[in-house]
């Protein structure tokens, strides 16, 4: 018996939408958009037909595709998501031309392969997230750091810290 397909293999549009939204910080300046009119399946009837076909043949239908226009700093590319992965179908600039026809396992891998600007933005985003996480860990482990020797009064420091008045001050008097 054939394996039950995942929803991605039955309807790739939600996966494409998720990929675009979770990588929005690294896309642009041209807008990215899903192309439902160039995708299949679209209706519940289409999805039921694809599921039936998949169960009968044991393979995902080659008709199952999701298409999007993806704007990166280097131009706009046509991307298709099907059972092979994410494939660059077209590119609007000479920079993107060599990537047309290449298939990637994930949307992030496609963006990393195609866009040096995305790689730079990704590195900055990862650094920002690590810095935020590191700051959060420091605050969890050293909540009172910087309070010693500032006013010497008990009871007021906690209230002032909550108001944010003492946060970020150095220990210099």
Protein backbone atom coordinates (compact mmCIF):
# COMPACT_ATOMS: atom_id res chain seq x y z
CA UNK A 1 0.00 0.00 0.00
CA UNK A 2 1.24 3.49 -0.77
CA UNK A 3 2.07 5.97 1.99
CA UNK A 4 -0.47 8.66 2.79
CA UNK A 5 0.80 11.93 1.32
CA UNK A 6 1.43 14.96 3.45
CA UNK A 7 -0.61 18.10 2.93
CA UNK A 8 2.38 19.65 1.12
CA UNK A 9 2.08 16.97 -1.54
CA UNK A 10 -1.65 17.61 -1.84
CA UNK A 11 -1.69 21.40 -1.61
CA UNK A 12 1.61 23.31 -1.85
CA UNK A 13 0.15 26.83 -1.58
CA UNK A 14 0.07 26.97 2.25
CA UNK A 15 3.72 25.85 2.30
CA UNK A 16 4.66 28.58 -0.19
CA UNK A 17 2.76 31.20 1.79
CA UNK A 18 4.50 30.10 4.99
CA UNK A 19 7.91 30.21 3.28
CA UNK A 20 7.29 33.74 2.01
CA UNK A 21 6.04 35.04 5.35
CA UNK A 22 8.75 33.44 7.48
CA UNK A 23 11.47 34.88 5.22
CA UNK A 24 9.87 38.29 4.61
CA UNK A 25 12.71 40.03 6.51
CA UNK A 26 15.17 38.90 3.82
CA UNK A 27 13.06 39.51 0.71
CA UNK A 28 12.44 42.62 -1.35
CA UNK A 29 12.40 45.31 -2.52
CA UNK A 30 10.03 43.92 -5.16
CA UNK A 31 6.94 42.34 -3.64
CA UNK A 32 6.53 38.58 -3.46
CA UNK A 33 3.21 36.92 -4.12
CA UNK A 34 1.54 33.56 -4.55
CA UNK A 35 0.20 32.82 -8.05
CA UNK A 36 -2.91 30.72 -7.40
CA UNK A 37 -4.09 30.93 -11.02
CA UNK A 38 -0.89 29.11 -12.05
CA UNK A 39 -1.07 26.54 -9.23
CA UNK A 40 -2.91 23.26 -8.71
CA UNK A 41 -4.97 22.10 -6.86
CA UNK A 42 -7.17 25.05 -5.97
CA UNK A 43 -10.52 23.60 -4.93
CA UNK A 44 -11.59 20.85 -2.55
CA UNK A 45 -12.66 18.83 -5.59
CA UNK A 46 -9.15 19.22 -7.06
CA UNK A 47 -7.58 18.12 -3.76
CA UNK A 48 -9.87 15.08 -3.53
CA UNK A 49 -8.94 14.13 -7.10
CA UNK A 50 -5.23 14.47 -6.33
CA UNK A 51 -5.59 12.37 -3.18
CA UNK A 52 -7.45 9.65 -5.12
CA UNK A 53 -4.83 9.69 -7.88
CA UNK A 54 -1.99 9.55 -5.37
CA UNK A 55 -3.50 6.57 -3.56
CA UNK A 56 -4.12 4.72 -6.82
CA UNK A 57 -0.66 5.27 -8.30
CA UNK A 58 1.42 5.47 -5.14
CA UNK A 59 2.98 8.70 -6.42
CA UNK A 60 2.22 12.35 -6.03
CA UNK A 61 0.66 13.77 -9.15
CA UNK A 62 2.95 15.83 -11.32
CA UNK A 63 0.04 18.26 -11.65
CA UNK A 64 0.48 19.35 -8.00
CA UNK A 65 2.38 22.65 -8.15
CA UNK A 66 2.43 25.91 -6.29
CA UNK A 67 3.82 28.98 -7.99
CA UNK A 68 5.00 32.33 -6.67
CA UNK A 69 6.85 35.43 -7.75
CA UNK A 70 9.64 36.06 -5.29
CA UNK A 71 11.28 39.46 -5.03
CA UNK A 72 14.87 39.55 -3.81
CA UNK A 73 17.37 42.40 -3.99
CA UNK A 74 18.79 40.92 -7.18
CA UNK A 75 15.44 40.89 -9.04
CA UNK A 76 12.20 38.92 -9.27
CA UNK A 77 12.13 35.19 -9.88
CA UNK A 78 9.40 32.73 -10.65
CA UNK A 79 9.47 29.84 -8.18
CA UNK A 80 7.56 26.57 -8.39
CA UNK A 81 7.07 24.16 -5.49
CA UNK A 82 6.31 20.60 -6.50
CA UNK A 83 7.29 17.08 -5.49
CA UNK A 84 10.91 17.78 -6.52
CA UNK A 85 11.29 20.81 -4.24
CA UNK A 86 11.60 24.54 -4.90
CA UNK A 87 12.68 25.34 -8.48
CA UNK A 88 13.61 28.69 -9.98
CA UNK A 89 11.49 28.89 -13.16
CA UNK A 90 12.40 32.38 -14.31
CA UNK A 91 14.51 35.38 -13.40
CA UNK A 92 14.13 39.06 -14.23
CA UNK A 93 17.83 39.98 -14.22
CA UNK A 94 21.12 38.61 -15.58
CA UNK A 95 22.13 37.73 -12.00
CA UNK A 96 19.18 35.33 -11.69
CA UNK A 97 19.54 33.72 -15.15
CA UNK A 98 22.11 31.06 -14.12
CA UNK A 99 19.74 29.78 -11.43
CA UNK A 100 16.79 29.12 -13.74
CA UNK A 101 16.03 25.39 -13.69
CA UNK A 102 17.82 24.72 -10.39
CA UNK A 103 15.86 22.86 -7.73
CA UNK A 104 16.45 23.26 -3.99
CA UNK A 105 15.28 21.16 -1.06
CA UNK A 106 13.95 24.16 0.87
CA UNK A 107 12.95 27.75 0.23
CA UNK A 108 15.76 28.96 2.50
CA UNK A 109 18.30 26.90 0.52
CA UNK A 110 17.00 28.50 -2.69
CA UNK A 111 17.35 32.01 -1.24
CA UNK A 112 20.84 31.26 0.10
CA UNK A 113 21.89 29.87 -3.28
CA UNK A 114 20.47 32.74 -5.32
CA UNK A 115 20.84 35.90 -3.24
CA UNK A 116 24.05 37.14 -1.61
CA UNK A 117 22.01 39.99 -0.10
CA UNK A 118 19.64 37.44 1.52
CA UNK A 119 22.68 35.68 3.02
CA UNK A 120 23.91 38.98 4.49
CA UNK A 121 20.45 39.79 5.87
CA UNK A 122 20.13 36.26 7.26
CA UNK A 123 23.48 36.59 9.03
CA UNK A 124 22.38 39.92 10.51
CA UNK A 125 19.01 38.48 11.58
CA UNK A 126 20.62 35.45 13.23
CA UNK A 127 23.08 37.74 15.02
CA UNK A 128 20.26 39.98 16.20
CA UNK A 129 18.26 37.00 17.50
CA UNK A 130 21.28 35.56 19.33
CA UNK A 131 22.01 38.97 20.87
CA UNK A 132 18.40 39.26 22.05
CA UNK A 133 18.52 35.73 23.47
CA UNK A 134 21.86 36.37 25.15
CA UNK A 135 20.51 39.59 26.69
CA UNK A 136 17.45 37.70 27.94
CA UNK A 137 19.66 35.03 29.53
CA UNK A 138 21.79 37.71 31.20
CA UNK A 139 18.70 39.41 32.61
CA UNK A 140 17.38 36.08 33.93
CA UNK A 141 20.66 35.25 35.68
CA UNK A 142 21.71 38.74 36.82
CA UNK A 143 18.50 40.69 37.47
CA UNK A 144 20.05 42.98 40.07
CA UNK A 145 23.36 43.66 38.39
CA UNK A 146 24.28 47.32 38.63
CA UNK A 147 22.28 48.02 41.82
CA UNK A 148 25.05 47.48 44.35
CA UNK A 149 26.33 50.64 45.96
CA UNK A 150 24.02 53.01 44.13
CA UNK A 151 21.67 54.11 46.88
CA UNK A 152 22.05 51.54 49.63
CA UNK A 153 18.37 51.67 50.57
CA UNK A 154 16.37 48.48 50.73
CA UNK A 155 12.89 48.27 49.24
CA UNK A 156 13.17 50.98 46.59
CA UNK A 157 15.49 49.22 44.14
CA UNK A 158 12.92 46.64 42.99
CA UNK A 159 10.33 49.30 42.27
CA UNK A 160 12.77 51.50 40.39
CA UNK A 161 13.98 48.55 38.34
CA UNK A 162 10.45 47.68 37.30
CA UNK A 163 9.93 51.23 36.11
CA UNK A 164 13.10 50.90 34.04
CA UNK A 165 14.83 53.85 35.70
CA UNK A 166 17.92 51.98 36.76
CA UNK A 167 18.22 49.52 33.90
CA UNK A 168 21.25 50.09 31.72
CA UNK A 169 23.10 52.39 34.17
CA UNK A 170 26.71 51.61 34.80
CA UNK A 171 28.10 51.10 38.29
CA UNK A 172 29.83 54.45 38.14
CA UNK A 173 28.28 56.61 40.84
